[in-house]
Amino acid sequence: MIPLFKFPEAATLIEKYASKSIKDPYVFDRKAFLSECVFNRQLKQVARKMGINKSVSNKVARHTNAQLWIRLGTNRPVVSRMLGHSKEETTKTYYNIDVNEVIDGTNHIDFGKIGI
């Protein structure tokens, strides 16, 4: 669960890349159910077409999203609900990192290159 209202461009991007046809090779069909392995395989194809040479999966996105909200100061119960955890204790593992180390390790990244 991601509060898309916090990202003004999100609705536009979702609409732009939403599949108009089940045969469209570049996007996912909204109505089609995909198993996790099929989803990840298609996600990797999209990443390659976009020139992304990193390992991507639904889990990578999930963890990245959780870390983003944690760094922005979101309270643990909120992150827990966003991740769909039935127990807040499960979310605790996402908080067991040294945030200063992460920040220092990513200071060199130019987020402007990817529009952030």
C-alpha atoms as a PDB file:
ATOM      1  CA  MET A   1       0.000   0.000   0.000  1.00  0.00           C
ATOM      2  CA  ILE A   2       1.542   3.288  -1.103  1.00  0.00           C
ATOM      3  CA  PRO A   3      -0.127   6.688  -0.553  1.00  0.00           C
ATOM      4  CA  LEU A   4       0.075   7.833  -4.160  1.00  0.00           C
ATOM      5  CA  PHE A   5      -1.502  11.188  -3.314  1.00  0.00           C
ATOM      6  CA  LYS A   6       1.905  12.130  -1.872  1.00  0.00           C
ATOM      7  CA  PHE A   7       3.412  11.815  -5.363  1.00  0.00           C
ATOM      8  CA  PRO A   8       1.721  14.226  -7.793  1.00  0.00           C
ATOM      9  CA  GLU A   9       3.106  12.473 -10.877  1.00  0.00           C
ATOM     10  CA  ALA A  10       2.058   8.972  -9.768  1.00  0.00           C
ATOM     11  CA  ALA A  11      -1.458   8.971 -11.253  1.00  0.00           C
ATOM     12  CA  THR A  12      -0.159  10.342 -14.551  1.00  0.00           C
ATOM     13  CA  LEU A  13       2.587   7.694 -14.734  1.00  0.00           C
ATOM     14  CA  ILE A  14       0.222   4.880 -13.827  1.00  0.00           C
ATOM     15  CA  GLU A  15      -2.231   5.958 -16.510  1.00  0.00           C
ATOM     16  CA  LYS A  16       0.543   6.476 -19.059  1.00  0.00           C
ATOM     17  CA  TYR A  17       1.997   3.001 -18.565  1.00  0.00           C
ATOM     18  CA  ALA A  18      -1.203   1.091 -17.845  1.00  0.00           C
ATOM     19  CA  SER A  19      -1.815  -1.616 -20.397  1.00  0.00           C
ATOM     20  CA  LYS A  20      -4.413  -0.901 -23.055  1.00  0.00           C
ATOM     21  CA  SER A  21      -4.013  -4.370 -24.521  1.00  0.00           C
ATOM     22  CA  ILE A  22      -3.177  -7.803 -23.104  1.00  0.00           C
ATOM     23  CA  LYS A  23      -0.665  -8.159 -25.963  1.00  0.00           C
ATOM     24  CA  ASP A  24       1.283  -5.037 -25.015  1.00  0.00           C
ATOM     25  CA  PRO A  25       4.856  -6.226 -24.257  1.00  0.00           C
ATOM     26  CA  TYR A  26       5.905  -3.134 -22.300  1.00  0.00           C
ATOM     27  CA  VAL A  27       3.394  -2.957 -19.466  1.00  0.00           C
ATOM     28  CA  PHE A  28       1.320  -5.154 -17.210  1.00  0.00           C
ATOM     29  CA  ASP A  29      -2.360  -5.750 -17.823  1.00  0.00           C
ATOM     30  CA  ARG A  30      -4.415  -4.454 -14.884  1.00  0.00           C
ATOM     31  CA  LYS A  31      -6.872  -7.341 -15.049  1.00  0.00           C
ATOM     32  CA  ALA A  32      -4.439 -10.202 -15.472  1.00  0.00           C
ATOM     33  CA  PHE A  33      -3.394 -12.135 -12.391  1.00  0.00           C
ATOM     34  CA  LEU A  34       0.289 -12.968 -12.422  1.00  0.00           C
ATOM     35  CA  SER A  35       2.149 -15.427 -10.298  1.00  0.00           C
ATOM     36  CA  GLU A  36       5.122 -13.939  -8.472  1.00  0.00           C
ATOM     37  CA  CYS A  37       7.673 -15.572 -10.775  1.00  0.00           C
ATOM     38  CA  VAL A  38       5.867 -14.352 -13.914  1.00  0.00           C
ATOM     39  CA  PHE A  39       5.564 -10.850 -12.452  1.00  0.00           C
ATOM     40  CA  ASN A  40       9.276 -10.754 -11.612  1.00  0.00           C
ATOM     41  CA  ARG A  41      10.243 -12.074 -15.046  1.00  0.00           C
ATOM     42  CA  GLN A  42       8.170  -9.357 -16.727  1.00  0.00           C
ATOM     43  CA  LEU A  43       9.516  -6.740 -14.331  1.00  0.00           C
ATOM     44  CA  LYS A  44      13.067  -7.709 -15.345  1.00  0.00           C
ATOM     45  CA  GLN A  45      12.100  -7.339 -19.017  1.00  0.00           C
ATOM     46  CA  VAL A  46      10.710  -3.863 -18.389  1.00  0.00           C
ATOM     47  CA  ALA A  47      13.857  -2.913 -16.453  1.00  0.00           C
ATOM     48  CA  ARG A  48      16.097  -4.057 -19.322  1.00  0.00           C
ATOM     49  CA  LYS A  49      14.049  -2.064 -21.842  1.00  0.00           C
ATOM     50  CA  MET A  50      14.415   0.989 -19.601  1.00  0.00           C
ATOM     51  CA  GLY A  51      18.182   0.497 -19.364  1.00  0.00           C
ATOM     52  CA  ILE A  52      18.115  -0.531 -15.689  1.00  0.00           C
ATOM     53  CA  ASN A  53      20.948  -2.983 -15.130  1.00  0.00           C
ATOM     54  CA  LYS A  54      20.226  -3.755 -11.476  1.00  0.00           C
ATOM     55  CA  SER A  55      18.566  -6.819 -10.048  1.00  0.00           C
ATOM     56  CA  VAL A  56      14.865  -6.017  -9.694  1.00  0.00           C
ATOM     57  CA  SER A  57      11.987  -7.928  -8.165  1.00  0.00           C
ATOM     58  CA  ASN A  58       8.806  -7.252  -6.271  1.00  0.00           C
ATOM     59  CA  LYS A  59      10.751  -7.890  -3.045  1.00  0.00           C
ATOM     60  CA  VAL A  60      13.440  -5.344  -3.922  1.00  0.00           C
ATOM     61  CA  ALA A  61      10.749  -2.743  -4.573  1.00  0.00           C
ATOM     62  CA  ARG A  62       8.944  -3.639  -1.351  1.00  0.00           C
ATOM     63  CA  HIS A  63      12.097  -3.311   0.766  1.00  0.00           C
ATOM     64  CA  THR A  64      13.161  -0.123  -1.001  1.00  0.00           C
ATOM     65  CA  ASN A  65       9.741   1.412  -0.423  1.00  0.00           C
ATOM     66  CA  ALA A  66       9.812   0.452   3.258  1.00  0.00           C
ATOM     67  CA  GLN A  67      13.274   1.980   3.714  1.00  0.00           C
ATOM     68  CA  LEU A  68      12.162   5.167   1.957  1.00  0.00           C
ATOM     69  CA  TRP A  69       9.251   5.658   4.366  1.00  0.00           C
ATOM     70  CA  ILE A  70      11.431   4.841   7.364  1.00  0.00           C
ATOM     71  CA  ARG A  71      14.047   7.406   6.304  1.00  0.00           C
ATOM     72  CA  LEU A  72      11.290   9.977   5.878  1.00  0.00           C
ATOM     73  CA  GLY A  73      10.370   9.390   9.518  1.00  0.00           C
ATOM     74  CA  THR A  74       7.176   7.376   9.113  1.00  0.00           C
ATOM     75  CA  ASN A  75       6.087   5.712  12.337  1.00  0.00           C
ATOM     76  CA  ARG A  76       6.480   1.941  12.586  1.00  0.00           C
ATOM     77  CA  PRO A  77       2.739   1.167  12.849  1.00  0.00           C
ATOM     78  CA  VAL A  78       2.124   3.054   9.608  1.00  0.00           C
ATOM     79  CA  VAL A  79       4.936   1.251   7.769  1.00  0.00           C
ATOM     80  CA  SER A  80       3.643  -2.026   9.180  1.00  0.00           C
ATOM     81  CA  ARG A  81       0.175  -1.367   7.761  1.00  0.00           C
ATOM     82  CA  MET A  82       1.604  -0.248   4.402  1.00  0.00           C
ATOM     83  CA  LEU A  83       3.524  -3.522   4.158  1.00  0.00           C
ATOM     84  CA  GLY A  84       0.474  -5.529   5.160  1.00  0.00           C
ATOM     85  CA  HIS A  85       2.125  -7.061   8.202  1.00  0.00           C
ATOM     86  CA  SER A  86      -0.326  -8.573  10.653  1.00  0.00           C
ATOM     87  CA  LYS A  87       2.163  -8.040  13.488  1.00  0.00           C
ATOM     88  CA  GLU A  88       4.069  -4.818  13.975  1.00  0.00           C
ATOM     89  CA  GLU A  89       6.951  -6.929  15.320  1.00  0.00           C
ATOM     90  CA  THR A  90       7.542  -8.188  11.742  1.00  0.00           C
ATOM     91  CA  THR A  91       8.204  -4.619  10.624  1.00  0.00           C
ATOM     92  CA  LYS A  92      10.839  -4.173  13.343  1.00  0.00           C
ATOM     93  CA  THR A  93      13.471  -5.864  11.153  1.00  0.00           C
ATOM     94  CA  TYR A  94      13.206  -3.004   8.655  1.00  0.00           C
ATOM     95  CA  TYR A  95      14.202  -0.604  11.439  1.00  0.00           C
ATOM     96  CA  ASN A  96      17.233  -2.654  12.532  1.00  0.00           C
ATOM     97  CA  ILE A  97      19.718  -0.777  10.380  1.00  0.00           C
ATOM     98  CA  ASP A  98      22.183   1.967  11.061  1.00  0.00           C
ATOM     99  CA  VAL A  99      20.508   4.842   9.221  1.00  0.00           C
ATOM    100  CA  ASN A 100      23.570   7.083   9.424  1.00  0.00           C
ATOM    101  CA  GLU A 101      25.629   4.396   7.723  1.00  0.00           C
ATOM    102  CA  VAL A 102      23.072   4.125   4.939  1.00  0.00           C
ATOM    103  CA  ILE A 103      22.951   7.890   4.482  1.00  0.00           C
ATOM    104  CA  ASP A 104      26.752   8.173   4.408  1.00  0.00           C
ATOM    105  CA  GLY A 105      26.937   5.288   1.953  1.00  0.00           C
ATOM    106  CA  THR A 106      24.494   6.922  -0.456  1.00  0.00           C
ATOM    107  CA  ASN A 107      25.615  10.564  -0.289  1.00  0.00           C
ATOM    108  CA  HIS A 108      27.432  10.269  -3.610  1.00  0.00           C
ATOM    109  CA  ILE A 109      24.306   9.276  -5.543  1.00  0.00           C
ATOM    110  CA  ASP A 110      22.864  11.944  -7.863  1.00  0.00           C
ATOM    111  CA  PHE A 111      19.128  11.383  -7.451  1.00  0.00           C
ATOM    112  CA  GLY A 112      18.499  14.227  -9.898  1.00  0.00           C
ATOM    113  CA  LYS A 113      19.517  11.857 -12.686  1.00  0.00           C
ATOM    114  CA  ILE A 114      16.440   9.768 -12.001  1.00  0.00           C
ATOM    115  CA  GLY A 115      14.151  12.709 -11.324  1.00  0.00           C
ATOM    116  CA  ILE A 116      14.132  12.632  -7.525  1.00  0.00           C
END
